[in-house]
Structures are given as structure tokens and as C-alpha cells.
Amino acid sequence: MAYTTDETLTVLVYSHDRTTREQVRTALGSRVAEDLPELSYLECATTPAVLKALEKGGVDLCVLDGEAVPAGGLGLARQLKDEIYGCPPLLVLIGRPQDSWLAAWSRADAAISQPVDPVALAGSAGTLLRARLAKRTPAAR
């Protein structure tokens, strides 16, 4: 599938921890895969900021920190799936592999455990972004 050079995909990164947000941005870089458009980032440190950004639209992927405080990304993921029509794919960062059942409960589309593994994050993000782009109508591209 061909993409225009001026097309970008927006990744929302939610965590109260600036270091976690930076790890996600660094791991994904400016382009998650050669066959996908460049990425732009929207960083959010609070739940209201996430909700406001998603209400505006234009977000292609959300990466949510399951360990964020006071509102963890797992509970937020479940809320987003319930409340946001056309919710973008959600990738949650979980504290340990044994927490994968919590990711399933949250209805996240994918989960990886922390610390962030750049290869795993890029692979999951690429899969979710390709699926998101495939759902777009040709007129929307």
C-alpha cells in the first residue's frame, strides 16, 4: 500500500512518568516500519488530557502505561473502549508478563511488558497501525 510522503500517523502516549513517555517515543522512532508513514506524537500525563485528545480525533494509536498514577492505563483502556466511538487501537504497557490477563480485561488490542522492549513495541505498534490504515476508506487516505 502506498502512502503519501506528507501523511503522518499520530501516536498518543499516556503516562504520568515523563521517562516512560520518552522510552516509547525513542523505541518507536520517527517511523515504526518502512511500509508505514512517519509518526507524530501526542503526549498526555492525565486522563482528562487523553479524553480531550481523543474527542478531537486524529489519533491512530494509543500507548497507555498500565502503571500510571493516579489512573492506570488498563482501567483507562477499558473506559476508552466503552466511551469513544471508533476508538483507535490501544497498546498497553504492563508491569510484568503475568499481568496479561489484566490487559485482556481492559480490552486492549495489544500488550507488552515493561521495561519497554523496542523490537516488541515496534512490532505490536506496526501491526496495529497497519490494521488501522486498512480500515480507512480510500477517500480518507
Protein backbone atom coordinates (compact mmCIF):
# COMPACT_ATOMS: atom_id res chain seq x y z
CA MET A 1 0.00 0.00 0.00
CA ALA A 2 1.39 3.38 -0.96
CA TYR A 3 1.27 6.37 1.35
CA THR A 4 1.89 9.98 0.54
CA THR A 5 5.05 11.48 1.93
CA ASP A 6 3.10 14.17 3.77
CA GLU A 7 0.91 11.64 5.59
CA THR A 8 1.71 11.04 9.25
CA LEU A 9 0.27 8.77 11.89
CA THR A 10 -0.42 10.17 15.34
CA VAL A 11 0.53 8.12 18.38
CA LEU A 12 -0.87 9.20 21.73
CA VAL A 13 1.42 8.21 24.61
CA TYR A 14 -0.13 8.26 28.09
CA SER A 15 1.91 8.06 31.28
CA HIS A 16 2.35 10.25 34.32
CA ASP A 17 6.06 9.45 34.02
CA ARG A 18 7.95 11.57 31.50
CA THR A 19 10.66 8.88 31.28
CA THR A 20 8.15 6.24 30.19
CA ARG A 21 6.75 8.55 27.52
CA GLU A 22 10.29 9.21 26.30
CA GLN A 23 11.08 5.46 26.20
CA VAL A 24 8.04 4.86 23.99
CA ARG A 25 8.94 7.71 21.61
CA THR A 26 12.55 6.54 21.42
CA ALA A 27 11.57 2.90 20.84
CA LEU A 28 9.14 3.74 18.03
CA GLY A 29 11.22 6.49 16.48
CA SER A 30 10.03 8.60 13.56
CA ARG A 31 8.83 5.59 11.54
CA VAL A 32 7.83 2.28 13.09
CA ALA A 33 8.26 0.34 9.85
CA GLU A 34 9.42 1.06 6.32
CA ASP A 35 5.96 0.42 4.85
CA LEU A 36 4.22 2.87 7.21
CA PRO A 37 4.08 6.67 7.22
CA GLU A 38 6.08 8.76 9.67
CA LEU A 39 4.88 9.14 13.24
CA SER A 40 3.99 12.21 15.22
CA TYR A 41 3.45 12.06 18.95
CA LEU A 42 0.93 13.48 21.34
CA GLU A 43 1.98 13.09 24.97
CA CYS A 44 -0.57 13.05 27.78
CA ALA A 45 0.11 12.85 31.51
CA THR A 46 -3.51 12.87 32.70
CA THR A 47 -6.76 11.10 31.90
CA PRO A 48 -8.60 14.35 31.03
CA ALA A 49 -5.87 15.16 28.50
CA VAL A 50 -6.29 11.73 26.87
CA LEU A 51 -10.07 12.12 26.68
CA LYS A 52 -9.79 15.62 25.20
CA ALA A 53 -7.28 14.45 22.57
CA LEU A 54 -9.44 11.51 21.53
CA GLU A 55 -12.56 13.66 21.33
CA LYS A 56 -10.72 15.92 18.86
CA GLY A 57 -9.89 12.89 16.70
CA GLY A 58 -6.91 12.16 14.50
CA VAL A 59 -5.20 9.69 16.84
CA ASP A 60 -4.13 6.46 15.12
CA LEU A 61 -2.73 4.53 18.10
CA CYS A 62 -2.73 4.93 21.88
CA VAL A 63 0.11 3.58 24.01
CA LEU A 64 -1.08 3.52 27.62
CA ASP A 65 1.08 2.97 30.69
CA GLY A 66 -0.65 0.36 32.83
CA GLU A 67 1.34 1.56 35.84
CA ALA A 68 0.38 5.23 35.51
CA VAL A 69 -0.98 7.02 38.57
CA PRO A 70 -3.50 8.00 39.69
CA ALA A 71 -5.38 6.42 36.76
CA GLY A 72 -3.68 3.36 35.31
CA GLY A 73 -3.68 2.70 31.62
CA LEU A 74 -5.55 -0.60 31.98
CA GLY A 75 -8.64 0.97 33.53
CA LEU A 76 -8.37 3.86 31.09
CA ALA A 77 -8.23 1.41 28.16
CA ARG A 78 -11.48 -0.22 29.28
CA GLN A 79 -13.10 3.21 29.68
CA LEU A 80 -11.96 4.29 26.21
CA LYS A 81 -13.34 1.15 24.58
CA ASP A 82 -16.70 1.85 26.27
CA GLU A 83 -16.88 5.59 25.63
CA ILE A 84 -15.01 6.50 22.43
CA TYR A 85 -16.76 5.72 19.17
CA GLY A 86 -14.20 4.42 16.67
CA CYS A 87 -11.63 4.12 19.43
CA PRO A 88 -8.13 3.86 17.97
CA PRO A 89 -6.15 0.70 18.74
CA LEU A 90 -4.86 0.53 22.30
CA LEU A 91 -1.48 -0.89 23.25
CA VAL A 92 -0.90 -1.16 26.99
CA LEU A 93 2.40 -1.39 28.82
CA ILE A 94 2.04 -3.89 31.65
CA GLY A 95 4.27 -4.24 34.69
CA ARG A 96 5.01 -7.94 34.16
CA PRO A 97 4.01 -10.73 31.75
CA GLN A 98 1.73 -12.28 34.40
CA ASP A 99 -0.48 -9.17 34.09
CA SER A 100 -1.59 -10.15 30.58
CA TRP A 101 -4.97 -11.19 31.99
CA LEU A 102 -5.48 -7.58 33.09
CA ALA A 103 -4.72 -6.42 29.55
CA ALA A 104 -7.38 -8.83 28.27
CA TRP A 105 -9.85 -7.46 30.85
CA SER A 106 -9.09 -3.92 29.70
CA ARG A 107 -9.93 -4.89 26.08
CA ALA A 108 -6.58 -3.52 24.90
CA ASP A 109 -5.64 -4.57 21.39
CA ALA A 110 -2.10 -5.50 22.41
CA ALA A 111 0.13 -5.54 25.48
CA ILE A 112 3.85 -5.62 26.11
CA SER A 113 5.60 -5.79 29.45
CA GLN A 114 7.94 -3.19 30.86
CA PRO A 115 10.74 -2.34 30.65
CA VAL A 116 9.96 -1.38 27.07
CA ASP A 117 11.48 -3.76 24.52
CA PRO A 118 11.89 -1.61 21.36
CA VAL A 119 11.52 -4.58 19.00
CA ALA A 120 8.35 -5.86 20.69
CA LEU A 121 6.86 -2.36 20.88
CA ALA A 122 7.61 -1.57 17.25
CA GLY A 123 6.25 -4.94 16.11
CA SER A 124 2.99 -4.55 18.02
CA ALA A 125 2.57 -0.90 17.05
CA GLY A 126 3.23 -1.69 13.38
CA THR A 127 0.62 -4.46 13.36
CA LEU A 128 -2.00 -2.21 14.99
CA LEU A 129 -1.25 0.73 12.69
CA ARG A 130 -1.47 -1.43 9.56
CA ALA A 131 -4.87 -2.71 10.69
CA ARG A 132 -5.99 0.86 11.42
CA LEU A 133 -4.93 2.05 7.97
CA ALA A 134 -6.62 -0.93 6.28
CA LYS A 135 -9.95 0.14 7.83
CA ARG A 136 -9.75 3.64 6.40
CA THR A 137 -11.79 4.28 3.29
CA PRO A 138 -9.81 5.14 0.14
CA ALA A 139 -11.31 8.66 0.22
CA ALA A 140 -9.92 9.19 3.73
CA ARG A 141 -6.34 8.44 2.70
